[in-house]
Amino acid sequence: MTRAALFLCVALVSGCTDFPDLDAAVGDSAKNAAYPRVLPIEGVLENAAQTNISEETGQALADRAAALRQKARALTRPILTRAERRRLTAAVERHQQ
C-alpha cells in the first residue's frame, strides 16, 4: 500500500509541473514555413549522379529503400494463418453465446 501511495504522490506532483514553452523556441520563419515535399526515391536516386552524393551514398540509399519496402510488404501480410483465424473466430462465437 505504501508503494502505491508513493507512486500516486509522485504522479500527482509530476503532473503539476510546468512544461517549458516550446513555442518560444521555434522562430516565426519556421512556424510559417511550408511543409517539405516528399519525393519518390527513384527520382532522388536518378538525380544523385548530378549532385554531390557519392556512389556509395546512393547505393546505401537504394539498399535502405529496398529494406523499407521489404518491411512494408511484411506489415501488409495477414498476421494470423487461416487456421488461427478460424480458431479465434470459434472462440469469440463461443464467448458471445
N, C-alpha and C. Protein backbone atom coordinates (compact mmCIF):
# COMPACT_ATOMS: atom_id res chain seq x y z
N MET A 1 0.83 -1.19 0.00
CA MET A 1 0.00 0.00 0.00
C MET A 1 0.87 1.25 0.00
N THR A 2 2.00 1.19 0.69
CA THR A 2 2.87 2.36 0.78
C THR A 2 3.46 2.70 -0.58
N ARG A 3 3.81 1.69 -1.35
CA ARG A 3 4.36 1.95 -2.68
C ARG A 3 3.32 2.62 -3.57
N ALA A 4 2.10 2.15 -3.46
CA ALA A 4 1.03 2.73 -4.28
C ALA A 4 0.81 4.20 -3.91
N ALA A 5 0.86 4.51 -2.63
CA ALA A 5 0.68 5.90 -2.19
C ALA A 5 1.84 6.76 -2.65
N LEU A 6 3.06 6.21 -2.57
CA LEU A 6 4.22 6.95 -3.03
C LEU A 6 4.14 7.19 -4.53
N PHE A 7 3.77 6.17 -5.27
CA PHE A 7 3.62 6.31 -6.72
C PHE A 7 2.56 7.36 -7.05
N LEU A 8 1.45 7.34 -6.35
CA LEU A 8 0.38 8.31 -6.58
C LEU A 8 0.86 9.73 -6.31
N CYS A 9 1.62 9.92 -5.23
CA CYS A 9 2.15 11.26 -4.91
C CYS A 9 3.11 11.74 -5.98
N VAL A 10 3.99 10.85 -6.43
CA VAL A 10 4.95 11.23 -7.47
C VAL A 10 4.22 11.57 -8.76
N ALA A 11 3.21 10.79 -9.10
CA ALA A 11 2.43 11.05 -10.32
C ALA A 11 1.70 12.38 -10.23
N LEU A 12 1.13 12.68 -9.09
CA LEU A 12 0.42 13.95 -8.92
C LEU A 12 1.37 15.14 -8.99
N VAL A 13 2.53 15.03 -8.35
CA VAL A 13 3.49 16.13 -8.36
C VAL A 13 4.03 16.35 -9.77
N SER A 14 4.37 15.26 -10.47
CA SER A 14 4.91 15.41 -11.81
C SER A 14 3.85 15.93 -12.78
N GLY A 15 2.59 15.67 -12.50
CA GLY A 15 1.52 16.18 -13.34
C GLY A 15 1.30 17.66 -13.17
N CYS A 16 1.78 18.22 -12.11
CA CYS A 16 1.59 19.64 -11.85
C CYS A 16 2.79 20.49 -12.24
N THR A 17 3.81 19.90 -12.80
CA THR A 17 4.99 20.67 -13.15
C THR A 17 4.74 21.53 -14.38
N ASP A 18 5.49 22.60 -14.50
CA ASP A 18 5.38 23.47 -15.67
C ASP A 18 6.27 22.92 -16.77
N PHE A 19 5.72 22.88 -17.97
CA PHE A 19 6.50 22.45 -19.11
C PHE A 19 7.12 23.67 -19.76
N PRO A 20 8.29 23.52 -20.34
CA PRO A 20 8.92 24.67 -20.99
C PRO A 20 8.08 25.14 -22.17
N ASP A 21 8.16 26.41 -22.44
CA ASP A 21 7.40 26.98 -23.53
C ASP A 21 8.11 26.66 -24.84
N LEU A 22 7.71 25.57 -25.45
CA LEU A 22 8.36 25.11 -26.67
C LEU A 22 8.05 26.01 -27.86
N ASP A 23 6.90 26.65 -27.85
CA ASP A 23 6.55 27.54 -28.97
C ASP A 23 7.52 28.70 -29.07
N ALA A 24 8.06 29.14 -27.96
CA ALA A 24 9.00 30.26 -27.98
C ALA A 24 10.34 29.84 -28.60
N ALA A 25 10.64 28.56 -28.58
CA ALA A 25 11.91 28.08 -29.13
C ALA A 25 11.88 28.01 -30.66
N VAL A 26 10.70 28.03 -31.24
CA VAL A 26 10.56 27.95 -32.70
C VAL A 26 10.33 29.36 -33.23
N GLY A 27 11.15 29.76 -34.18
CA GLY A 27 11.02 31.09 -34.75
C GLY A 27 9.82 31.22 -35.67
N ASP A 28 9.46 32.47 -35.99
CA ASP A 28 8.32 32.72 -36.86
C ASP A 28 8.53 32.16 -38.26
N SER A 29 9.76 32.22 -38.75
CA SER A 29 10.01 31.70 -40.10
C SER A 29 9.77 30.19 -40.15
N ALA A 30 10.12 29.48 -39.10
CA ALA A 30 9.88 28.04 -39.06
C ALA A 30 8.40 27.72 -38.90
N LYS A 31 7.70 28.54 -38.11
CA LYS A 31 6.26 28.32 -37.93
C LYS A 31 5.49 28.52 -39.22
N ASN A 32 5.92 29.49 -40.03
CA ASN A 32 5.21 29.81 -41.25
C ASN A 32 5.76 29.11 -42.48
N ALA A 33 6.77 28.28 -42.31
CA ALA A 33 7.39 27.59 -43.45
C ALA A 33 6.45 26.53 -44.00
N ALA A 34 6.57 26.31 -45.30
CA ALA A 34 5.77 25.27 -45.95
C ALA A 34 6.32 23.89 -45.58
N TYR A 35 5.47 22.89 -45.64
CA TYR A 35 5.92 21.54 -45.39
C TYR A 35 6.86 21.12 -46.51
N PRO A 36 7.86 20.32 -46.21
CA PRO A 36 8.77 19.87 -47.27
C PRO A 36 8.05 18.91 -48.21
N ARG A 37 8.48 18.91 -49.45
CA ARG A 37 7.88 17.99 -50.43
C ARG A 37 8.46 16.60 -50.22
N VAL A 38 7.63 15.60 -50.37
CA VAL A 38 8.07 14.22 -50.29
C VAL A 38 8.27 13.75 -51.73
N LEU A 39 9.47 13.28 -52.01
CA LEU A 39 9.82 12.87 -53.37
C LEU A 39 9.97 11.36 -53.44
N PRO A 40 9.62 10.76 -54.58
CA PRO A 40 9.85 9.33 -54.72
C PRO A 40 11.35 9.03 -54.75
N ILE A 41 11.75 7.93 -54.17
CA ILE A 41 13.16 7.61 -54.05
C ILE A 41 13.81 7.41 -55.41
N GLU A 42 13.05 6.93 -56.40
CA GLU A 42 13.62 6.70 -57.72
C GLU A 42 14.14 8.02 -58.31
N GLY A 43 13.36 9.07 -58.17
CA GLY A 43 13.80 10.37 -58.68
C GLY A 43 15.01 10.89 -57.94
N VAL A 44 15.06 10.63 -56.65
CA VAL A 44 16.20 11.08 -55.85
C VAL A 44 17.46 10.35 -56.31
N LEU A 45 17.32 9.04 -56.53
CA LEU A 45 18.49 8.26 -56.94
C LEU A 45 18.94 8.63 -58.35
N GLU A 46 17.98 8.94 -59.24
CA GLU A 46 18.35 9.33 -60.60
C GLU A 46 19.12 10.65 -60.59
N ASN A 47 18.73 11.55 -59.71
CA ASN A 47 19.39 12.85 -59.62
C ASN A 47 20.68 12.80 -58.80
N ALA A 48 20.96 11.66 -58.17
CA ALA A 48 22.15 11.56 -57.32
C ALA A 48 23.42 11.75 -58.13
N ALA A 49 23.41 11.33 -59.39
CA ALA A 49 24.61 11.47 -60.22
C ALA A 49 24.90 12.94 -60.51
N GLN A 50 23.89 13.78 -60.48
CA GLN A 50 24.06 15.19 -60.78
C GLN A 50 24.37 16.02 -59.54
N THR A 51 24.39 15.40 -58.39
CA THR A 51 24.63 16.13 -57.15
C THR A 51 25.95 15.69 -56.53
N ASN A 52 26.18 16.10 -55.34
CA ASN A 52 27.42 15.75 -54.63
C ASN A 52 27.30 14.44 -53.88
N ILE A 53 26.26 13.67 -54.15
CA ILE A 53 26.09 12.39 -53.46
C ILE A 53 27.02 11.37 -54.10
N SER A 54 27.81 10.70 -53.28
CA SER A 54 28.74 9.71 -53.81
C SER A 54 28.00 8.45 -54.23
N GLU A 55 28.69 7.63 -54.98
CA GLU A 55 28.09 6.38 -55.43
C GLU A 55 27.75 5.48 -54.24
N GLU A 56 28.62 5.50 -53.24
CA GLU A 56 28.38 4.69 -52.04
C GLU A 56 27.12 5.16 -51.30
N THR A 57 26.95 6.47 -51.22
CA THR A 57 25.77 7.01 -50.55
C THR A 57 24.52 6.66 -51.34
N GLY A 58 24.58 6.77 -52.66
CA GLY A 58 23.44 6.39 -53.49
C GLY A 58 23.10 4.93 -53.32
N GLN A 59 24.10 4.07 -53.26
CA GLN A 59 23.86 2.64 -53.06
C GLN A 59 23.29 2.39 -51.68
N ALA A 60 23.79 3.11 -50.68
CA ALA A 60 23.26 2.96 -49.31
C ALA A 60 21.79 3.38 -49.27
N LEU A 61 21.44 4.45 -49.99
CA LEU A 61 20.03 4.87 -50.04
C LEU A 61 19.17 3.82 -50.73
N ALA A 62 19.68 3.26 -51.83
CA ALA A 62 18.93 2.23 -52.55
C ALA A 62 18.74 1.00 -51.68
N ASP A 63 19.79 0.60 -50.95
CA ASP A 63 19.68 -0.55 -50.04
C ASP A 63 18.68 -0.28 -48.93
N ARG A 64 18.72 0.92 -48.39
CA ARG A 64 17.79 1.26 -47.32
C ARG A 64 16.35 1.28 -47.83
N ALA A 65 16.16 1.82 -49.04
CA ALA A 65 14.82 1.84 -49.63
C ALA A 65 14.31 0.43 -49.86
N ALA A 66 15.18 -0.47 -50.31
CA ALA A 66 14.77 -1.86 -50.52
C ALA A 66 14.39 -2.52 -49.20
N ALA A 67 15.16 -2.24 -48.15
CA ALA A 67 14.84 -2.81 -46.84
C ALA A 67 13.51 -2.27 -46.31
N LEU A 68 13.25 -0.99 -46.53
CA LEU A 68 11.97 -0.40 -46.09
C LEU A 68 10.80 -0.98 -46.88
N ARG A 69 11.00 -1.20 -48.18
CA ARG A 69 9.93 -1.83 -48.98
C ARG A 69 9.65 -3.24 -48.49
N GLN A 70 10.70 -3.97 -48.13
CA GLN A 70 10.52 -5.32 -47.61
C GLN A 70 9.75 -5.30 -46.29
N LYS A 71 10.07 -4.36 -45.41
CA LYS A 71 9.34 -4.23 -44.15
C LYS A 71 7.88 -3.88 -44.41
N ALA A 72 7.64 -3.01 -45.38
CA ALA A 72 6.26 -2.61 -45.70
C ALA A 72 5.47 -3.82 -46.20
N ARG A 73 6.09 -4.64 -47.03
CA ARG A 73 5.41 -5.85 -47.51
C ARG A 73 5.10 -6.78 -46.35
N ALA A 74 6.05 -6.90 -45.42
CA ALA A 74 5.83 -7.77 -44.26
C ALA A 74 4.68 -7.26 -43.39
N LEU A 75 4.53 -5.94 -43.31
CA LEU A 75 3.45 -5.37 -42.49
C LEU A 75 2.09 -5.52 -43.13
N THR A 76 2.02 -5.73 -44.44
CA THR A 76 0.73 -5.86 -45.10
C THR A 76 0.25 -7.30 -45.16
N ARG A 77 1.12 -8.24 -44.78
CA ARG A 77 0.70 -9.65 -44.76
C ARG A 77 -0.25 -9.89 -43.60
N PRO A 78 -1.13 -10.88 -43.76
CA PRO A 78 -2.01 -11.23 -42.64
C PRO A 78 -1.20 -11.71 -41.44
N ILE A 79 -1.63 -11.35 -40.27
CA ILE A 79 -0.92 -11.72 -39.05
C ILE A 79 -1.24 -13.16 -38.66
N LEU A 80 -2.50 -13.53 -38.81
CA LEU A 80 -2.94 -14.87 -38.43
C LEU A 80 -3.05 -15.76 -39.65
N THR A 81 -2.74 -17.04 -39.46
CA THR A 81 -2.98 -18.01 -40.53
C THR A 81 -4.48 -18.28 -40.59
N ARG A 82 -4.91 -18.96 -41.64
CA ARG A 82 -6.35 -19.26 -41.75
C ARG A 82 -6.82 -20.12 -40.59
N ALA A 83 -6.00 -21.10 -40.21
CA ALA A 83 -6.37 -21.97 -39.09
C ALA A 83 -6.47 -21.18 -37.79
N GLU A 84 -5.54 -20.28 -37.55
CA GLU A 84 -5.59 -19.45 -36.35
C GLU A 84 -6.81 -18.53 -36.36
N ARG A 85 -7.12 -17.98 -37.53
CA ARG A 85 -8.29 -17.11 -37.64
C ARG A 85 -9.57 -17.88 -37.35
N ARG A 86 -9.69 -19.12 -37.89
CA ARG A 86 -10.88 -19.94 -37.63
C ARG A 86 -10.99 -20.26 -36.14
N ARG A 87 -9.86 -20.62 -35.51
CA ARG A 87 -9.86 -20.95 -34.09
C ARG A 87 -10.27 -19.73 -33.25
N LEU A 88 -9.76 -18.56 -33.61
CA LEU A 88 -10.11 -17.35 -32.89
C LEU A 88 -11.58 -16.99 -33.08
N THR A 89 -12.06 -17.10 -34.30
CA THR A 89 -13.47 -16.81 -34.58
C THR A 89 -14.38 -17.75 -33.80
N ALA A 90 -14.03 -19.04 -33.76
CA ALA A 90 -14.82 -20.01 -33.00
C ALA A 90 -14.83 -19.66 -31.51
N ALA A 91 -13.70 -19.26 -30.97
CA ALA A 91 -13.63 -18.91 -29.56
C ALA A 91 -14.46 -17.67 -29.27
N VAL A 92 -14.45 -16.68 -30.15
CA VAL A 92 -15.26 -15.47 -29.97
C VAL A 92 -16.73 -15.82 -30.02
N GLU A 93 -17.12 -16.67 -30.97
CA GLU A 93 -18.53 -17.08 -31.07
C GLU A 93 -18.98 -17.83 -29.84
N ARG A 94 -18.11 -18.70 -29.31
CA ARG A 94 -18.47 -19.44 -28.07
C ARG A 94 -18.65 -18.47 -26.91
N HIS A 95 -17.82 -17.44 -26.85
CA HIS A 95 -17.88 -16.48 -25.76
C HIS A 95 -19.12 -15.62 -25.83
N GLN A 96 -19.61 -15.35 -27.04
CA GLN A 96 -20.77 -14.46 -27.21
C GLN A 96 -22.07 -15.18 -26.92
N GLN A 97 -22.06 -16.49 -26.83
CA GLN A 97 -23.31 -17.24 -26.60
C GLN A 97 -23.71 -17.23 -25.17
